[in-house]
Amino acid sequence: MDKSTIWKFCDENPLNEYTLIVPSVAVGNVGQLSCDLLISSLSMVKIASVYSTAQIPVIGSDPYNLKSGCLSTSCEIYKSVSKKVCVLQLKSPLIFKYAKKFLEEVIEIFKEKFIKDVIILSSSYAHEKKHILSSPFRYVISEGSSYADKIRNADIVKHEDDTGELKIFGGGFASLLYKICQESNIPCLVLYKYCSEGDNIPDAYDMIKILMTVCPLFSEETDLFTHLKQPVSWTLLFGRPPPQNVY
């Protein structure tokens, strides 16, 4: 492995039959917010921290537990044993010239751990949506994915591809990671939503609802929103209030 990336796993167990969910750092950060909801709502456990030159360094307190004494960094991996799902959460964008190598290593690491498939959550500029009355969600799916029938029966439009190469404007590294998964023969599903910058919390809730149509992570017997728990870090999503002494 490249020494520019350090993987610190505190749980070395294989991940047979697990799904890896990766948020692409994209417009509105919808993928990251959605993963925040998953980690918090499923009480997922951190199993690794990743340090890489491909990441802009970030450090802070635990975003999911105010009582925790652990620090949070740019890239961390969480696991839910009961739901057979892992989340690779990113807190900062990837540096372009190192992104491809880093993402290739991500897939290599998880392929060695026998990951079943990958789901990429992303977003795209609202003004790129050409069919105004259609669903705001689009999907791209690779051959061999177990979600093929479910996603086709859902109220989601397939991504229109006229060039033969996946392009999601404003979608961050989603297209690149999808291509790497294909080259590594890892089944992959991309879900993205057209949105604008601003308060994108509602978009994250919508994303989880769509994700549930293919990957039922919560009980379907009750309202989905009763299961979702916002992380404590969201109380400061737009920063602290202005100090009173400025007035």
Protein backbone atom coordinates (compact mmCIF):
# COMPACT_ATOMS: atom_id res chain seq x y z
CA MET A 1 0.00 0.00 0.00
CA ASP A 2 1.03 3.58 -0.61
CA LYS A 3 2.53 5.06 2.56
CA SER A 4 0.72 8.31 1.81
CA THR A 5 -2.44 6.59 3.12
CA ILE A 6 -2.64 5.05 6.58
CA TRP A 7 -5.52 2.75 7.51
CA LYS A 8 -6.07 2.30 11.25
CA PHE A 9 -8.61 -0.48 11.82
CA CYS A 10 -9.73 -1.34 15.34
CA ASP A 11 -11.89 -4.15 13.92
CA GLU A 12 -10.11 -6.48 11.50
CA ASN A 13 -13.05 -8.83 10.89
CA PRO A 14 -13.94 -9.58 7.25
CA LEU A 15 -16.98 -7.87 5.75
CA ASN A 16 -18.63 -10.73 3.87
CA GLU A 17 -22.13 -9.82 2.66
CA TYR A 18 -21.69 -6.20 3.77
CA THR A 19 -22.64 -3.23 1.62
CA LEU A 20 -20.27 -0.26 1.58
CA ILE A 21 -21.96 3.15 1.38
CA VAL A 22 -19.76 6.03 0.23
CA PRO A 23 -20.86 9.69 0.06
CA SER A 24 -19.42 11.75 -2.75
CA VAL A 25 -18.53 15.27 -1.62
CA ALA A 26 -20.86 17.11 -3.96
CA VAL A 27 -23.25 20.06 -4.24
CA GLY A 28 -25.17 20.55 -0.99
CA ASN A 29 -23.23 17.71 0.70
CA VAL A 30 -26.35 15.56 0.44
CA GLY A 31 -24.39 12.29 0.47
CA GLN A 32 -22.47 13.21 3.61
CA LEU A 33 -25.60 14.41 5.41
CA SER A 34 -27.37 11.18 4.48
CA CYS A 35 -24.49 9.14 5.89
CA ASP A 36 -24.61 11.25 9.06
CA LEU A 37 -28.25 10.21 9.44
CA LEU A 38 -27.42 6.55 8.88
CA ILE A 39 -24.52 6.51 11.36
CA SER A 40 -26.53 8.28 14.05
CA SER A 41 -29.85 6.45 13.51
CA LEU A 42 -28.31 2.96 13.32
CA SER A 43 -25.90 3.66 16.22
CA MET A 44 -23.07 2.52 13.99
CA VAL A 45 -19.67 1.79 15.53
CA LYS A 46 -16.45 3.33 14.24
CA ILE A 47 -14.09 0.60 13.06
CA ALA A 48 -11.36 2.63 11.33
CA SER A 49 -9.78 6.00 10.68
CA VAL A 50 -8.05 6.79 7.41
CA TYR A 51 -5.27 9.35 6.99
CA SER A 52 -4.26 10.30 3.46
CA THR A 53 -2.56 13.04 1.47
CA ALA A 54 -5.64 12.89 -0.75
CA GLN A 55 -7.74 14.47 2.00
CA ILE A 56 -7.90 18.01 3.30
CA PRO A 57 -7.08 17.56 7.03
CA VAL A 58 -9.98 18.03 9.45
CA ILE A 59 -10.16 17.25 13.16
CA GLY A 60 -12.83 17.84 15.75
CA SER A 61 -14.93 16.28 18.49
CA ASP A 62 -17.13 13.24 17.98
CA PRO A 63 -20.06 14.43 15.81
CA TYR A 64 -22.40 11.68 17.06
CA ASN A 65 -21.78 11.60 20.81
CA LEU A 66 -21.29 14.66 23.03
CA LYS A 67 -19.99 12.51 25.89
CA SER A 68 -17.29 10.85 23.79
CA GLY A 69 -13.66 11.72 24.36
CA CYS A 70 -12.67 10.52 20.88
CA LEU A 71 -11.67 12.85 18.07
CA SER A 72 -13.15 12.82 14.58
CA THR A 73 -10.99 13.14 11.46
CA SER A 74 -11.40 13.63 7.71
CA CYS A 75 -12.22 10.03 6.85
CA GLU A 76 -13.72 7.37 9.12
CA ILE A 77 -15.41 4.00 8.63
CA TYR A 78 -18.49 2.91 10.57
CA LYS A 79 -20.21 -0.47 10.74
CA SER A 80 -23.61 -1.87 11.64
CA VAL A 81 -23.41 -5.60 12.30
CA SER A 82 -27.19 -6.13 12.40
CA LYS A 83 -27.77 -4.39 9.04
CA LYS A 84 -24.61 -5.67 7.32
CA VAL A 85 -23.62 -2.20 6.16
CA CYS A 86 -20.48 -0.06 6.34
CA VAL A 87 -20.23 3.68 5.80
CA LEU A 88 -17.05 5.44 4.71
CA GLN A 89 -17.76 8.96 5.93
CA LEU A 90 -15.82 11.93 4.56
CA LYS A 91 -15.63 15.30 6.31
CA SER A 92 -13.70 17.15 3.59
CA PRO A 93 -13.20 17.10 -0.20
CA LEU A 94 -10.52 15.03 -1.89
CA ILE A 95 -7.56 16.73 -3.52
CA PHE A 96 -8.06 16.20 -7.24
CA LYS A 97 -4.62 14.93 -8.26
CA TYR A 98 -4.60 12.29 -5.50
CA ALA A 99 -8.29 11.31 -5.66
CA LYS A 100 -8.05 8.46 -8.19
CA LYS A 101 -5.25 6.69 -6.35
CA PHE A 102 -7.03 7.05 -3.01
CA LEU A 103 -10.35 5.73 -4.33
CA GLU A 104 -8.61 2.79 -6.00
CA GLU A 105 -7.08 1.94 -2.65
CA VAL A 106 -10.47 2.21 -0.94
CA ILE A 107 -11.93 -0.38 -3.30
CA GLU A 108 -8.83 -2.57 -3.01
CA ILE A 109 -9.02 -2.55 0.80
CA PHE A 110 -12.71 -3.43 0.88
CA LYS A 111 -12.38 -6.03 -1.84
CA GLU A 112 -9.80 -7.76 0.34
CA LYS A 113 -12.38 -7.68 3.12
CA PHE A 114 -14.90 -9.38 0.77
CA ILE A 115 -17.35 -6.49 0.58
CA LYS A 116 -20.51 -7.48 -1.33
CA ASP A 117 -21.22 -4.25 -3.19
CA VAL A 118 -20.97 -0.46 -3.12
CA ILE A 119 -23.63 2.26 -3.00
CA ILE A 120 -22.53 5.82 -3.83
CA LEU A 121 -24.70 8.70 -2.60
CA SER A 122 -24.28 11.98 -4.44
CA SER A 123 -26.04 15.07 -5.80
CA SER A 124 -26.10 17.25 -8.89
CA TYR A 125 -26.82 20.89 -9.70
CA ALA A 126 -30.56 21.59 -9.74
CA HIS A 127 -30.27 23.50 -13.01
CA GLU A 128 -29.02 20.34 -14.75
CA LYS A 129 -32.43 18.69 -14.37
CA LYS A 130 -33.98 18.71 -17.83
CA HIS A 131 -37.32 17.01 -17.14
CA ILE A 132 -38.91 19.35 -14.61
CA LEU A 133 -41.88 17.16 -13.63
CA SER A 134 -39.89 13.96 -13.11
CA SER A 135 -38.42 12.65 -9.86
CA PRO A 136 -35.47 14.71 -8.54
CA PHE A 137 -33.53 11.46 -8.14
CA ARG A 138 -31.48 9.60 -10.71
CA TYR A 139 -29.64 6.29 -10.56
CA VAL A 140 -26.82 4.45 -12.31
CA ILE A 141 -26.37 0.72 -11.76
CA SER A 142 -23.72 -1.73 -12.89
CA GLU A 143 -24.27 -5.23 -14.19
CA GLY A 144 -24.52 -7.87 -11.50
CA SER A 145 -26.00 -5.58 -8.86
CA SER A 146 -28.60 -7.27 -6.65
CA TYR A 147 -30.59 -4.01 -6.56
CA ALA A 148 -31.42 -3.99 -10.28
CA ASP A 149 -35.04 -5.14 -10.02
CA LYS A 150 -35.86 -3.00 -6.98
CA ILE A 151 -34.41 0.20 -8.42
CA ARG A 152 -36.27 -0.26 -11.71
CA ASN A 153 -39.56 -0.68 -9.86
CA ALA A 154 -38.97 2.44 -7.75
CA ASP A 155 -40.10 5.92 -8.78
CA ILE A 156 -36.63 6.95 -9.92
CA VAL A 157 -35.40 7.93 -13.37
CA LYS A 158 -32.35 6.24 -14.86
CA HIS A 159 -29.42 8.55 -15.55
CA GLU A 160 -29.38 9.67 -19.17
CA ASP A 161 -26.03 8.88 -20.73
CA ASP A 162 -25.45 10.07 -24.28
CA THR A 163 -21.65 9.94 -24.32
CA GLY A 164 -20.93 6.47 -23.00
CA GLU A 165 -19.10 7.96 -20.01
CA LEU A 166 -20.84 8.70 -16.72
CA LYS A 167 -20.95 12.43 -15.96
CA ILE A 168 -22.76 13.89 -12.94
CA PHE A 169 -22.30 17.65 -12.93
CA GLY A 170 -21.62 18.82 -9.40
CA GLY A 171 -21.45 15.17 -8.28
CA GLY A 172 -17.86 15.17 -7.03
CA PHE A 173 -15.97 11.90 -7.44
CA ALA A 174 -19.10 9.73 -7.89
CA SER A 175 -18.39 9.06 -11.57
CA LEU A 176 -14.76 8.18 -10.92
CA LEU A 177 -15.55 5.80 -8.06
CA TYR A 178 -18.26 4.12 -10.14
CA LYS A 179 -15.73 3.50 -12.92
CA ILE A 180 -13.20 2.07 -10.43
CA CYS A 181 -15.85 -0.31 -9.06
CA GLN A 182 -16.61 -1.51 -12.58
CA GLU A 183 -12.93 -2.11 -13.31
CA SER A 184 -12.65 -4.06 -10.04
CA ASN A 185 -15.80 -6.11 -10.75
CA ILE A 186 -17.55 -4.78 -7.65
CA PRO A 187 -21.33 -4.30 -8.14
CA CYS A 188 -22.15 -0.61 -7.74
CA LEU A 189 -25.23 1.59 -7.49
CA VAL A 190 -25.13 5.39 -7.70
CA LEU A 191 -28.02 7.42 -6.30
CA TYR A 192 -28.04 11.18 -6.71
CA LYS A 193 -30.48 14.05 -6.27
CA TYR A 194 -30.74 17.36 -8.09
CA CYS A 195 -30.45 20.13 -5.49
CA SER A 196 -29.04 23.57 -4.71
CA GLU A 197 -26.74 24.78 -1.96
CA GLY A 198 -28.45 25.85 1.26
CA ASP A 199 -30.21 23.91 4.01
CA ASN A 200 -29.91 20.42 2.53
CA ILE A 201 -31.17 18.48 5.55
CA PRO A 202 -34.53 17.78 3.81
CA ASP A 203 -32.57 16.39 0.83
CA ALA A 204 -30.77 13.98 3.16
CA TYR A 205 -34.07 12.69 4.54
CA ASP A 206 -35.35 12.22 0.99
CA MET A 207 -32.17 10.35 0.08
CA ILE A 208 -32.61 7.90 2.96
CA LYS A 209 -36.21 7.32 1.88
CA ILE A 210 -35.06 6.46 -1.65
CA LEU A 211 -32.23 4.30 -0.29
CA MET A 212 -34.81 2.33 1.68
CA THR A 213 -36.49 1.21 -1.57
CA VAL A 214 -33.42 -0.86 -2.46
CA CYS A 215 -31.71 -1.41 0.89
CA PRO A 216 -34.24 -1.72 3.77
CA LEU A 217 -32.14 -0.59 6.70
CA PHE A 218 -35.11 0.32 8.88
CA SER A 219 -38.37 -1.40 9.75
CA GLU A 220 -41.09 -0.82 7.17
CA GLU A 221 -43.85 -1.36 9.74
CA THR A 222 -43.66 2.20 11.06
CA ASP A 223 -43.01 5.64 9.62
CA LEU A 224 -39.40 5.90 8.44
CA PHE A 225 -38.91 9.30 10.04
CA THR A 226 -39.55 7.87 13.52
CA HIS A 227 -36.36 5.84 13.09
CA LEU A 228 -34.13 8.69 11.94
CA LYS A 229 -32.06 10.45 14.56
CA GLN A 230 -30.21 13.65 13.73
CA PRO A 231 -26.58 13.70 14.93
CA VAL A 232 -25.73 16.25 17.61
CA SER A 233 -23.31 17.95 15.23
CA TRP A 234 -26.26 19.18 13.16
CA THR A 235 -27.16 21.70 15.86
CA LEU A 236 -24.13 23.67 14.67
CA LEU A 237 -24.44 22.84 10.98
CA PHE A 238 -24.34 26.51 10.01
CA GLY A 239 -21.92 27.60 12.74
CA ARG A 240 -22.48 29.17 16.12
CA PRO A 241 -24.67 32.24 16.62
CA PRO A 242 -22.82 35.56 16.28
CA PRO A 243 -21.25 36.77 19.56
CA GLN A 244 -23.49 39.29 21.32
CA ASN A 245 -20.64 41.77 21.89
CA VAL A 246 -20.56 42.62 18.16
CA TYR A 247 -23.85 44.51 18.54
